[in-house]
Amino acid sequence: MPRDDYIAAISDEMKKRHQTFADNLIAARKVRGWSQKEAAKRCVVSNGAYRAVEEGNLGTAVGVYWAILDCFGLAVGVEDLAAPHKDELGRLLRDRNSRK
């Protein structure tokens, strides 16, 4: 059985953001006029994995999300997730360490 104790460590704010992400994917699918089954087939993921994404299941593999974003043409900006230039704490620590 897969471990899911990490889910308890995810803040309510992050869970809310994740649900918004899932809702956005639902809207993207619907505007394309695709059923869940058709979207899963087009994105080359299982029906169950696709359903889990739309349900906001936090245990769904990130690769499934990437496949769906790519299939929908919505992957632009993914490279900015956790990017060093957006990491304020990281910049502060680098600046502090470079002064030593």
N, C-alpha and C. Protein backbone atom coordinates (compact mmCIF):
# COMPACT_ATOMS: atom_id res chain seq x y z
N MET A 1 0.85 -1.18 0.00
CA MET A 1 0.00 0.00 0.00
C MET A 1 0.89 1.25 0.00
N PRO A 2 0.61 2.21 -0.89
CA PRO A 2 1.46 3.40 -0.95
C PRO A 2 1.33 4.27 0.30
N ARG A 3 2.43 4.91 0.65
CA ARG A 3 2.41 5.81 1.80
C ARG A 3 1.79 7.13 1.38
N ASP A 4 0.99 7.69 2.25
CA ASP A 4 0.40 8.99 1.97
C ASP A 4 0.47 9.91 3.18
N ASP A 5 1.37 9.57 4.13
CA ASP A 5 1.48 10.40 5.33
C ASP A 5 2.03 11.80 5.00
N TYR A 6 2.68 11.96 3.86
CA TYR A 6 3.16 13.28 3.45
C TYR A 6 2.01 14.26 3.25
N ILE A 7 0.83 13.75 2.94
CA ILE A 7 -0.31 14.63 2.68
C ILE A 7 -0.64 15.47 3.91
N ALA A 8 -0.44 14.92 5.10
CA ALA A 8 -0.70 15.66 6.33
C ALA A 8 0.23 16.86 6.47
N ALA A 9 1.39 16.82 5.82
CA ALA A 9 2.35 17.92 5.91
C ALA A 9 2.05 19.04 4.91
N ILE A 10 1.11 18.83 4.02
CA ILE A 10 0.77 19.85 3.02
C ILE A 10 -0.21 20.83 3.66
N SER A 11 0.13 22.11 3.57
CA SER A 11 -0.71 23.14 4.19
C SER A 11 -2.08 23.20 3.53
N ASP A 12 -3.05 23.70 4.29
CA ASP A 12 -4.40 23.88 3.74
C ASP A 12 -4.37 24.82 2.55
N GLU A 13 -3.52 25.85 2.60
CA GLU A 13 -3.40 26.80 1.49
C GLU A 13 -2.91 26.08 0.23
N MET A 14 -1.93 25.20 0.36
CA MET A 14 -1.43 24.47 -0.79
C MET A 14 -2.48 23.50 -1.32
N LYS A 15 -3.22 22.87 -0.42
CA LYS A 15 -4.29 21.97 -0.86
C LYS A 15 -5.35 22.74 -1.64
N LYS A 16 -5.63 23.95 -1.20
CA LYS A 16 -6.60 24.81 -1.88
C LYS A 16 -6.08 25.18 -3.29
N ARG A 17 -4.81 25.51 -3.38
CA ARG A 17 -4.20 25.82 -4.68
C ARG A 17 -4.24 24.62 -5.61
N HIS A 18 -3.97 23.45 -5.05
CA HIS A 18 -4.00 22.23 -5.85
C HIS A 18 -5.42 21.97 -6.38
N GLN A 19 -6.42 22.20 -5.56
CA GLN A 19 -7.80 22.00 -6.00
C GLN A 19 -8.15 23.00 -7.10
N THR A 20 -7.67 24.22 -6.99
CA THR A 20 -7.89 25.21 -8.05
C THR A 20 -7.26 24.73 -9.35
N PHE A 21 -6.05 24.18 -9.25
CA PHE A 21 -5.36 23.61 -10.41
C PHE A 21 -6.22 22.52 -11.04
N ALA A 22 -6.75 21.61 -10.23
CA ALA A 22 -7.61 20.54 -10.73
C ALA A 22 -8.86 21.12 -11.40
N ASP A 23 -9.45 22.12 -10.78
CA ASP A 23 -10.64 22.76 -11.35
C ASP A 23 -10.31 23.42 -12.69
N ASN A 24 -9.12 24.00 -12.79
CA ASN A 24 -8.69 24.62 -14.05
C ASN A 24 -8.56 23.59 -15.15
N LEU A 25 -8.06 22.40 -14.79
CA LEU A 25 -7.93 21.34 -15.78
C LEU A 25 -9.30 20.83 -16.23
N ILE A 26 -10.24 20.79 -15.31
CA ILE A 26 -11.62 20.42 -15.67
C ILE A 26 -12.17 21.41 -16.69
N ALA A 27 -12.00 22.70 -16.39
CA ALA A 27 -12.49 23.75 -17.29
C ALA A 27 -11.83 23.65 -18.67
N ALA A 28 -10.52 23.37 -18.68
CA ALA A 28 -9.79 23.24 -19.95
C ALA A 28 -10.33 22.07 -20.77
N ARG A 29 -10.61 20.97 -20.10
CA ARG A 29 -11.16 19.80 -20.80
C ARG A 29 -12.54 20.11 -21.36
N LYS A 30 -13.37 20.72 -20.54
CA LYS A 30 -14.75 20.99 -20.96
C LYS A 30 -14.80 21.97 -22.13
N VAL A 31 -13.96 22.99 -22.10
CA VAL A 31 -13.98 23.97 -23.20
C VAL A 31 -13.54 23.31 -24.51
N ARG A 32 -12.76 22.25 -24.42
CA ARG A 32 -12.35 21.51 -25.61
C ARG A 32 -13.44 20.54 -26.08
N GLY A 33 -14.47 20.38 -25.24
CA GLY A 33 -15.58 19.50 -25.58
C GLY A 33 -15.26 18.02 -25.44
N TRP A 34 -14.27 17.71 -24.58
CA TRP A 34 -13.85 16.33 -24.40
C TRP A 34 -14.48 15.73 -23.15
N SER A 35 -14.83 14.47 -23.23
CA SER A 35 -15.21 13.73 -22.02
C SER A 35 -13.93 13.38 -21.27
N GLN A 36 -14.07 12.92 -20.04
CA GLN A 36 -12.89 12.48 -19.30
C GLN A 36 -12.21 11.33 -20.03
N LYS A 37 -13.01 10.42 -20.54
CA LYS A 37 -12.46 9.26 -21.24
C LYS A 37 -11.68 9.69 -22.48
N GLU A 38 -12.22 10.64 -23.24
CA GLU A 38 -11.52 11.12 -24.43
C GLU A 38 -10.24 11.85 -24.06
N ALA A 39 -10.30 12.67 -23.01
CA ALA A 39 -9.11 13.40 -22.57
C ALA A 39 -8.03 12.42 -22.14
N ALA A 40 -8.40 11.40 -21.39
CA ALA A 40 -7.42 10.40 -20.95
C ALA A 40 -6.76 9.74 -22.15
N LYS A 41 -7.55 9.37 -23.14
CA LYS A 41 -7.02 8.73 -24.33
C LYS A 41 -6.08 9.68 -25.08
N ARG A 42 -6.48 10.92 -25.27
CA ARG A 42 -5.66 11.91 -25.98
C ARG A 42 -4.35 12.19 -25.24
N CYS A 43 -4.41 12.16 -23.91
CA CYS A 43 -3.23 12.47 -23.09
C CYS A 43 -2.40 11.22 -22.79
N VAL A 44 -2.86 10.09 -23.24
CA VAL A 44 -2.17 8.80 -23.06
C VAL A 44 -1.96 8.48 -21.57
N VAL A 45 -3.02 8.66 -20.81
CA VAL A 45 -3.02 8.26 -19.40
C VAL A 45 -4.25 7.38 -19.18
N SER A 46 -4.24 6.62 -18.12
CA SER A 46 -5.40 5.75 -17.84
C SER A 46 -6.59 6.60 -17.44
N ASN A 47 -7.78 6.03 -17.62
CA ASN A 47 -9.00 6.72 -17.21
C ASN A 47 -8.96 7.02 -15.71
N GLY A 48 -8.47 6.06 -14.93
CA GLY A 48 -8.40 6.25 -13.47
C GLY A 48 -7.45 7.37 -13.08
N ALA A 49 -6.30 7.42 -13.73
CA ALA A 49 -5.34 8.48 -13.44
C ALA A 49 -5.91 9.84 -13.83
N TYR A 50 -6.60 9.88 -14.97
CA TYR A 50 -7.19 11.15 -15.39
C TYR A 50 -8.25 11.61 -14.38
N ARG A 51 -9.10 10.68 -13.97
CA ARG A 51 -10.13 11.00 -12.97
C ARG A 51 -9.50 11.51 -11.68
N ALA A 52 -8.41 10.86 -11.25
CA ALA A 52 -7.73 11.26 -10.01
C ALA A 52 -7.22 12.70 -10.11
N VAL A 53 -6.72 13.09 -11.27
CA VAL A 53 -6.25 14.47 -11.47
C VAL A 53 -7.41 15.44 -11.28
N GLU A 54 -8.53 15.16 -11.93
CA GLU A 54 -9.68 16.07 -11.82
C GLU A 54 -10.28 16.07 -10.42
N GLU A 55 -10.09 15.00 -9.67
CA GLU A 55 -10.57 14.96 -8.29
C GLU A 55 -9.60 15.66 -7.34
N GLY A 56 -8.44 16.05 -7.86
CA GLY A 56 -7.45 16.72 -7.02
C GLY A 56 -6.72 15.78 -6.10
N ASN A 57 -6.62 14.52 -6.47
CA ASN A 57 -5.94 13.52 -5.65
C ASN A 57 -4.45 13.87 -5.54
N LEU A 58 -4.00 14.15 -4.34
CA LEU A 58 -2.61 14.56 -4.12
C LEU A 58 -1.61 13.43 -4.29
N GLY A 59 -2.07 12.22 -4.42
CA GLY A 59 -1.16 11.09 -4.61
C GLY A 59 -0.92 10.74 -6.07
N THR A 60 -1.53 11.47 -6.97
CA THR A 60 -1.36 11.20 -8.40
C THR A 60 0.04 11.63 -8.84
N ALA A 61 0.69 10.80 -9.63
CA ALA A 61 2.06 11.06 -10.07
C ALA A 61 2.14 12.36 -10.86
N VAL A 62 3.19 13.11 -10.61
CA VAL A 62 3.38 14.39 -11.29
C VAL A 62 3.48 14.19 -12.80
N GLY A 63 3.99 13.06 -13.24
CA GLY A 63 4.07 12.79 -14.67
C GLY A 63 2.71 12.79 -15.36
N VAL A 64 1.69 12.37 -14.64
CA VAL A 64 0.33 12.40 -15.19
C VAL A 64 -0.09 13.85 -15.43
N TYR A 65 0.21 14.72 -14.47
CA TYR A 65 -0.10 16.14 -14.64
C TYR A 65 0.65 16.73 -15.83
N TRP A 66 1.96 16.39 -15.94
CA TRP A 66 2.75 16.93 -17.05
C TRP A 66 2.17 16.47 -18.38
N ALA A 67 1.77 15.20 -18.48
CA ALA A 67 1.20 14.66 -19.72
C ALA A 67 -0.07 15.41 -20.09
N ILE A 68 -0.91 15.70 -19.11
CA ILE A 68 -2.17 16.40 -19.37
C ILE A 68 -1.89 17.85 -19.77
N LEU A 69 -1.02 18.52 -19.03
CA LEU A 69 -0.69 19.91 -19.39
C LEU A 69 -0.12 19.98 -20.80
N ASP A 70 0.75 19.06 -21.14
CA ASP A 70 1.36 19.03 -22.47
C ASP A 70 0.29 18.79 -23.53
N CYS A 71 -0.56 17.82 -23.30
CA CYS A 71 -1.63 17.47 -24.24
C CYS A 71 -2.57 18.65 -24.47
N PHE A 72 -2.87 19.39 -23.42
CA PHE A 72 -3.79 20.53 -23.51
C PHE A 72 -3.09 21.79 -24.04
N GLY A 73 -1.78 21.73 -24.18
CA GLY A 73 -1.04 22.92 -24.61
C GLY A 73 -0.92 23.96 -23.51
N LEU A 74 -0.90 23.50 -22.27
CA LEU A 74 -0.87 24.40 -21.12
C LEU A 74 0.43 24.29 -20.31
N ALA A 75 1.48 23.74 -20.90
CA ALA A 75 2.72 23.52 -20.16
C ALA A 75 3.59 24.76 -20.05
N VAL A 76 3.26 25.82 -20.77
CA VAL A 76 4.06 27.05 -20.71
C VAL A 76 4.08 27.57 -19.27
N GLY A 77 5.26 27.83 -18.76
CA GLY A 77 5.41 28.35 -17.41
C GLY A 77 5.80 27.30 -16.38
N VAL A 78 5.69 26.03 -16.73
CA VAL A 78 6.04 24.96 -15.78
C VAL A 78 7.50 25.10 -15.35
N GLU A 79 8.34 25.55 -16.28
CA GLU A 79 9.77 25.69 -15.96
C GLU A 79 10.03 26.74 -14.88
N ASP A 80 9.04 27.58 -14.59
CA ASP A 80 9.21 28.58 -13.54
C ASP A 80 8.86 28.06 -12.15
N LEU A 81 8.28 26.87 -12.07
CA LEU A 81 7.98 26.30 -10.76
C LEU A 81 9.30 26.04 -10.03
N ALA A 82 9.44 26.57 -8.87
CA ALA A 82 10.64 26.42 -8.03
C ALA A 82 11.90 26.98 -8.68
N ALA A 83 11.73 27.89 -9.63
CA ALA A 83 12.88 28.49 -10.30
C ALA A 83 13.69 29.34 -9.32
N PRO A 84 15.02 29.30 -9.41
CA PRO A 84 15.86 30.06 -8.48
C PRO A 84 15.54 31.56 -8.44
N HIS A 85 15.16 32.13 -9.57
CA HIS A 85 14.86 33.57 -9.58
C HIS A 85 13.55 33.91 -8.87
N LYS A 86 12.74 32.91 -8.55
CA LYS A 86 11.51 33.14 -7.82
C LYS A 86 11.62 32.73 -6.35
N ASP A 87 12.76 32.24 -5.96
CA ASP A 87 12.99 31.74 -4.61
C ASP A 87 13.58 32.85 -3.75
N GLU A 88 12.71 33.62 -3.11
CA GLU A 88 13.17 34.76 -2.30
C GLU A 88 14.09 34.33 -1.16
N LEU A 89 13.71 33.30 -0.44
CA LEU A 89 14.55 32.83 0.66
C LEU A 89 15.89 32.34 0.11
N GLY A 90 15.86 31.61 -0.97
CA GLY A 90 17.10 31.13 -1.59
C GLY A 90 18.02 32.28 -1.98
N ARG A 91 17.45 33.34 -2.52
CA ARG A 91 18.26 34.51 -2.89
C ARG A 91 18.89 35.14 -1.66
N LEU A 92 18.11 35.28 -0.60
CA LEU A 92 18.64 35.85 0.64
C LEU A 92 19.79 35.01 1.18
N LEU A 93 19.61 33.70 1.18
CA LEU A 93 20.66 32.80 1.68
C LEU A 93 21.90 32.85 0.79
N ARG A 94 21.71 32.89 -0.53
CA ARG A 94 22.87 33.00 -1.43
C ARG A 94 23.62 34.31 -1.19
N ASP A 95 22.86 35.40 -1.04
CA ASP A 95 23.47 36.70 -0.78
C ASP A 95 24.25 36.69 0.53
N ARG A 96 23.64 36.11 1.57
CA ARG A 96 24.31 36.04 2.88
C ARG A 96 25.57 35.21 2.79
N ASN A 97 25.48 34.06 2.11
CA ASN A 97 26.65 33.17 1.98
C ASN A 97 27.75 33.78 1.11
N SER A 98 27.37 34.59 0.14
CA SER A 98 28.40 35.18 -0.72
C SER A 98 29.15 36.30 -0.02
N ARG A 99 28.59 36.86 1.04
CA ARG A 99 29.25 37.93 1.80
C ARG A 99 30.23 37.38 2.82
N LYS A 100 30.18 36.08 3.07
CA LYS A 100 31.06 35.47 4.10
C LYS A 100 32.44 35.29 3.57
